[in-house]
C-alpha atoms as a PDB file:
ATOM      1  CA  MET A   1     110.713  88.550 129.816  1.00  0.00           C
ATOM      2  CA  ALA A   2     111.950  92.558 128.638  1.00  0.00           C
ATOM      3  CA  THR A   3     115.755  93.623 128.671  1.00  0.00           C
ATOM      4  CA  VAL A   4     116.719  96.553 130.641  1.00  0.00           C
ATOM      5  CA  HIS A   5     118.136  99.827 128.597  1.00  0.00           C
ATOM      6  CA  PRO A   6     122.008 100.175 129.847  1.00  0.00           C
ATOM      7  CA  GLU A   7     121.742 103.571 130.187  1.00  0.00           C
ATOM      8  CA  ARG A   8     118.518 103.948 131.827  1.00  0.00           C
ATOM      9  CA  PRO A   9     117.246 101.206 133.495  1.00  0.00           C
ATOM     10  CA  ASN A  10     113.822 103.528 134.139  1.00  0.00           C
ATOM     11  CA  LEU A  11     111.878 104.327 131.473  1.00  0.00           C
ATOM     12  CA  ASP A  12     107.868 104.879 132.116  1.00  0.00           C
ATOM     13  CA  TYR A  13     105.744 103.846 130.242  1.00  0.00           C
ATOM     14  CA  GLU A  14     105.022 107.223 127.659  1.00  0.00           C
ATOM     15  CA  GLU A  15     108.474 106.971 126.970  1.00  0.00           C
ATOM     16  CA  GLN A  16     108.408 102.533 125.954  1.00  0.00           C
ATOM     17  CA  ARG A  17     105.198 103.302 124.279  1.00  0.00           C
ATOM     18  CA  VAL A  18     106.880 106.354 122.673  1.00  0.00           C
ATOM     19  CA  ARG A  19     110.248 103.421 121.280  1.00  0.00           C
ATOM     20  CA  ILE A  20     107.387 100.756 120.564  1.00  0.00           C
ATOM     21  CA  LEU A  21     105.637 103.982 118.096  1.00  0.00           C
ATOM     22  CA  ARG A  22     108.780 104.951 116.327  1.00  0.00           C
ATOM     23  CA  ALA A  23     109.178 101.506 115.540  1.00  0.00           C
ATOM     24  CA  ILE A  24     106.460 101.181 113.535  1.00  0.00           C
ATOM     25  CA  ASP A  25     106.921 103.718 112.400  1.00  0.00           C
ATOM     26  CA  GLU A  26     109.907 102.832 110.510  1.00  0.00           C
ATOM     27  CA  VAL A  27     108.543  99.179 110.198  1.00  0.00           C
ATOM     28  CA  GLU A  28     105.917 100.855 108.342  1.00  0.00           C
ATOM     29  CA  LYS A  29     108.363 102.686 106.322  1.00  0.00           C
ATOM     30  CA  PHE A  30     110.126  99.729 105.265  1.00  0.00           C
ATOM     31  CA  ALA A  31     107.750  97.477 104.297  1.00  0.00           C
ATOM     32  CA  ALA A  32     106.507 100.142 102.634  1.00  0.00           C
ATOM     33  CA  GLU A  33     109.122 100.566 100.114  1.00  0.00           C
ATOM     34  CA  SER A  34     110.231  97.388  99.762  1.00  0.00           C
ATOM     35  CA  ARG A  35     106.247  97.525  98.638  1.00  0.00           C
ATOM     36  CA  LYS A  36     107.418 100.615  96.229  1.00  0.00           C
ATOM     37  CA  LEU A  37     110.534  98.292  95.116  1.00  0.00           C
ATOM     38  CA  ASN A  38     108.580  95.666  94.299  1.00  0.00           C
ATOM     39  CA  ALA A  39     106.302  97.668  92.344  1.00  0.00           C
ATOM     40  CA  ASP A  40     108.602  98.825  90.270  1.00  0.00           C
ATOM     41  CA  MET A  41     110.361  95.173  89.653  1.00  0.00           C
ATOM     42  CA  MET A  42     107.204  93.916  88.411  1.00  0.00           C
ATOM     43  CA  LYS A  43     106.766  96.155  86.435  1.00  0.00           C
ATOM     44  CA  ALA A  44     110.020  96.423  85.119  1.00  0.00           C
ATOM     45  CA  GLN A  45     110.009  92.113  84.263  1.00  0.00           C
ATOM     46  CA  ALA A  46     106.548  92.953  82.461  1.00  0.00           C
ATOM     47  CA  GLU A  47     108.537  95.037  79.820  1.00  0.00           C
ATOM     48  CA  VAL A  48     110.723  92.762  79.797  1.00  0.00           C
ATOM     49  CA  GLY A  49     108.483  90.397  78.510  1.00  0.00           C
ATOM     50  CA  TYR A  50     106.403  92.553  75.613  1.00  0.00           C
ATOM     51  CA  MET A  51     109.802  93.964  74.442  1.00  0.00           C
ATOM     52  CA  PRO A  52     110.237  90.801  72.638  1.00  0.00           C
ATOM     53  CA  ARG A  53     107.186  90.570  70.622  1.00  0.00           C
ATOM     54  CA  ALA A  54     106.958  94.574  69.387  1.00  0.00           C
ATOM     55  CA  PHE A  55     110.678  94.027  68.524  1.00  0.00           C
ATOM     56  CA  ALA A  56     109.846  91.049  65.865  1.00  0.00           C
ATOM     57  CA  PHE A  57     106.690  93.242  65.127  1.00  0.00           C
ATOM     58  CA  GLN A  58     109.536  95.820  64.276  1.00  0.00           C
ATOM     59  CA  ALA A  59     111.853  93.491  62.898  1.00  0.00           C
ATOM     60  CA  MET A  60     109.393  92.178  60.105  1.00  0.00           C
ATOM     61  CA  LEU A  61     108.327  95.659  58.957  1.00  0.00           C
ATOM     62  CA  ALA A  62     111.804  96.401  58.372  1.00  0.00           C
ATOM     63  CA  SER A  63     112.163  93.640  56.853  1.00  0.00           C
ATOM     64  CA  ALA A  64     109.385  94.290  54.534  1.00  0.00           C
ATOM     65  CA  ALA A  65     109.670  97.723  53.956  1.00  0.00           C
ATOM     66  CA  LEU A  66     114.262  96.675  52.792  1.00  0.00           C
ATOM     67  CA  LEU A  67     111.709  94.087  50.218  1.00  0.00           C
ATOM     68  CA  GLY A  68     109.585  97.123  49.106  1.00  0.00           C
ATOM     69  CA  ALA A  69     112.102  99.462  48.390  1.00  0.00           C
ATOM     70  CA  GLY A  70     115.010  96.081  46.709  1.00  0.00           C
ATOM     71  CA  ALA A  71     111.930  95.850  44.203  1.00  0.00           C
ATOM     72  CA  ALA A  72     111.266  99.616  43.515  1.00  0.00           C
ATOM     73  CA  VAL A  73     115.125 100.039  42.969  1.00  0.00           C
ATOM     74  CA  ALA A  74     114.722  96.602  40.900  1.00  0.00           C
ATOM     75  CA  LYS A  75     111.566  98.343  38.625  1.00  0.00           C
ATOM     76  CA  LEU A  76     113.370 101.122  38.416  1.00  0.00           C
ATOM     77  CA  PHE A  77     116.998 100.138  36.582  1.00  0.00           C
ATOM     78  CA  PHE A  78     115.051  96.778  35.009  1.00  0.00           C
ATOM     79  CA  PRO A  79     112.149  97.804  33.232  1.00  0.00           C
END
């Protein structure tokens, strides 16, 4: 059963239709915002999942560079 608006009990059909369409538009806006936030969250989770592998690779490269530099210095001072 439909509820009656307390201030204007006799809304005509067109006013009711406009209110319903506005409510539908608001729901669609919230749904679009929710989808956007969900996509951003999934993108951030994918980047977080990628970061440990990239960090490990960079750590290996830095270790190799330090070992190479140490070997060069050792060869320079201790021929």
